[in-house]
Protein backbone atom coordinates (compact mmCIF):
# COMPACT_ATOMS: atom_id res chain seq x y z
CA UNK A 1 11.50 -27.33 -23.41
CA UNK A 2 12.62 -25.41 -26.43
CA UNK A 3 16.24 -24.78 -27.38
CA UNK A 4 15.85 -21.12 -26.35
CA UNK A 5 14.53 -22.02 -22.90
CA UNK A 6 17.30 -24.62 -22.45
CA UNK A 7 19.88 -21.92 -23.16
CA UNK A 8 18.21 -19.55 -20.73
CA UNK A 9 18.06 -22.21 -18.05
CA UNK A 10 21.87 -22.50 -17.90
CA UNK A 11 22.61 -18.76 -17.74
CA UNK A 12 23.67 -17.60 -14.31
CA UNK A 13 23.39 -14.11 -12.90
CA UNK A 14 26.46 -11.91 -12.50
CA UNK A 15 26.53 -12.39 -8.72
CA UNK A 16 26.60 -16.18 -9.10
CA UNK A 17 29.41 -15.92 -11.65
CA UNK A 18 31.38 -13.44 -9.52
CA UNK A 19 30.87 -15.60 -6.44
CA UNK A 20 32.05 -18.68 -8.31
CA UNK A 21 35.13 -16.88 -9.61
CA UNK A 22 35.93 -15.62 -6.10
CA UNK A 23 35.47 -19.13 -4.70
CA UNK A 24 37.81 -20.49 -7.39
CA UNK A 25 40.44 -17.92 -6.43
CA UNK A 26 40.19 -18.90 -2.76
CA UNK A 27 40.24 -22.67 -3.37
CA UNK A 28 43.08 -22.45 -5.90
CA UNK A 29 45.09 -20.16 -3.58
CA UNK A 30 44.71 -22.63 -0.70
CA UNK A 31 45.84 -25.46 -2.97
CA UNK A 32 48.77 -23.32 -4.14
CA UNK A 33 49.72 -22.66 -0.51
CA UNK A 34 49.82 -26.39 0.17
CA UNK A 35 51.99 -26.99 -2.90
CA UNK A 36 54.32 -24.13 -1.93
CA UNK A 37 54.70 -25.45 1.62
CA UNK A 38 55.43 -28.95 0.35
CA UNK A 39 58.03 -27.62 -2.11
CA UNK A 40 59.71 -25.49 0.55
CA UNK A 41 59.72 -28.38 3.03
CA UNK A 42 61.22 -30.63 0.34
CA UNK A 43 64.11 -28.22 -0.23
CA UNK A 44 63.03 -25.52 -2.68
CA UNK A 45 64.95 -22.30 -2.01
CA UNK A 46 63.41 -20.23 0.80
CA UNK A 47 64.06 -17.02 -1.13
CA UNK A 48 62.27 -18.21 -4.29
CA UNK A 49 59.74 -15.38 -4.63
CA UNK A 50 57.12 -17.24 -6.72
CA UNK A 51 56.56 -19.56 -3.76
CA UNK A 52 55.67 -16.62 -1.50
CA UNK A 53 51.95 -16.14 -0.82
CA UNK A 54 51.96 -12.52 -2.01
CA UNK A 55 53.18 -13.67 -5.40
CA UNK A 56 51.09 -16.76 -6.09
CA UNK A 57 47.82 -15.44 -4.65
CA UNK A 58 47.97 -12.36 -6.86
CA UNK A 59 48.88 -14.39 -9.94
CA UNK A 60 46.22 -16.98 -9.15
CA UNK A 61 43.60 -14.23 -9.00
CA UNK A 62 44.81 -12.75 -12.29
CA UNK A 63 44.77 -16.16 -13.96
CA UNK A 64 41.32 -17.13 -12.71
CA UNK A 65 39.79 -13.79 -13.71
CA UNK A 66 41.51 -13.85 -17.12
CA UNK A 67 40.30 -17.41 -17.61
CA UNK A 68 36.76 -16.41 -16.72
CA UNK A 69 36.84 -13.60 -19.28
CA UNK A 70 38.18 -15.98 -21.91
CA UNK A 71 35.58 -18.60 -21.01
CA UNK A 72 32.79 -16.03 -21.32
CA UNK A 73 34.10 -14.92 -24.73
CA UNK A 74 34.29 -18.52 -25.96
CA UNK A 75 30.72 -19.13 -24.74
CA UNK A 76 29.50 -16.10 -26.62
CA UNK A 77 31.32 -16.34 -29.96
CA UNK A 78 32.07 -20.02 -30.58
CA UNK A 79 29.71 -22.26 -32.49
CA UNK A 80 31.21 -25.26 -30.68
CA UNK A 81 32.50 -23.95 -27.33
CA UNK A 82 33.06 -27.41 -25.82
CA UNK A 83 35.51 -28.42 -28.52
CA UNK A 84 37.26 -25.07 -28.45
CA UNK A 85 37.66 -25.15 -24.66
CA UNK A 86 38.86 -28.76 -24.80
CA UNK A 87 41.70 -27.60 -27.05
CA UNK A 88 42.28 -24.11 -25.68
CA UNK A 89 42.64 -24.86 -21.96
CA UNK A 90 45.52 -27.36 -22.23
CA UNK A 91 47.25 -25.11 -24.77
CA UNK A 92 47.02 -22.07 -22.51
CA UNK A 93 48.26 -24.06 -19.50
CA UNK A 94 51.27 -25.37 -21.42
CA UNK A 95 52.09 -21.87 -22.71
CA UNK A 96 51.84 -20.59 -19.13
CA UNK A 97 54.69 -22.96 -18.21
CA UNK A 98 57.21 -21.02 -20.33
CA UNK A 99 57.96 -18.24 -17.80
CA UNK A 100 58.38 -20.83 -15.06
CA UNK A 101 61.13 -22.62 -16.95
CA UNK A 102 62.98 -19.31 -17.17
CA UNK A 103 63.09 -19.31 -13.35
CA UNK A 104 64.91 -22.66 -13.16
CA UNK A 105 68.17 -20.99 -12.15
CA UNK A 106 66.53 -19.35 -9.14
CA UNK A 107 64.07 -22.01 -8.04
CA UNK A 108 65.69 -25.25 -9.09
CA UNK A 109 63.74 -28.32 -10.05
CA UNK A 110 61.63 -28.33 -6.88
CA UNK A 111 60.62 -24.68 -7.14
CA UNK A 112 59.81 -24.82 -10.82
CA UNK A 113 58.07 -28.17 -10.44
CA UNK A 114 55.86 -26.68 -7.73
CA UNK A 115 55.01 -23.75 -10.01
CA UNK A 116 54.05 -26.11 -12.84
CA UNK A 117 51.79 -28.06 -10.48
CA UNK A 118 50.27 -24.76 -9.33
CA UNK A 119 49.37 -23.88 -12.93
CA UNK A 120 47.64 -27.22 -13.43
CA UNK A 121 45.87 -26.95 -10.08
CA UNK A 122 44.59 -23.43 -10.75
CA UNK A 123 43.39 -24.44 -14.20
CA UNK A 124 41.62 -27.50 -12.81
CA UNK A 125 39.83 -25.52 -10.08
CA UNK A 126 38.96 -22.74 -12.51
CA UNK A 127 37.56 -25.01 -15.22
CA UNK A 128 35.51 -26.93 -12.66
CA UNK A 129 34.09 -23.62 -11.41
CA UNK A 130 33.47 -22.14 -14.86
CA UNK A 131 31.52 -25.26 -15.85
CA UNK A 132 29.26 -24.76 -12.83
CA UNK A 133 28.70 -21.00 -13.06
CA UNK A 134 29.11 -20.48 -16.83
CA UNK A 135 28.02 -23.74 -18.52
CA UNK A 136 28.99 -24.12 -22.15
CA UNK A 137 25.60 -25.44 -23.26
């Protein structure tokens, strides 16, 4: 196989990509729900809004879609997308922690800790999915 045919072989159609992104949103939201329930059962404040499904499902969807757009851009413009993604993903996840730390007064250590784990979980599910439906090679 030529290099051109190898590149074509890993391109997925828009329905496959959209289905993968939707699946990532669902799986990550279920994982977030489990983390939220554990945090609430362990003593996180019941009125801590970020641990409500309406909050984290919406933000999970926004994050997964934004990540997919970023992943697609990196695939298209980077000469070495694997290296860039290897550096970019952890950086973006750590930066995404900043707003959570600002909620420490409302959510306490358990609430904020759950949010941090949610960020890592969503990123893990999303990256796994992007690699399947939008390979970097």
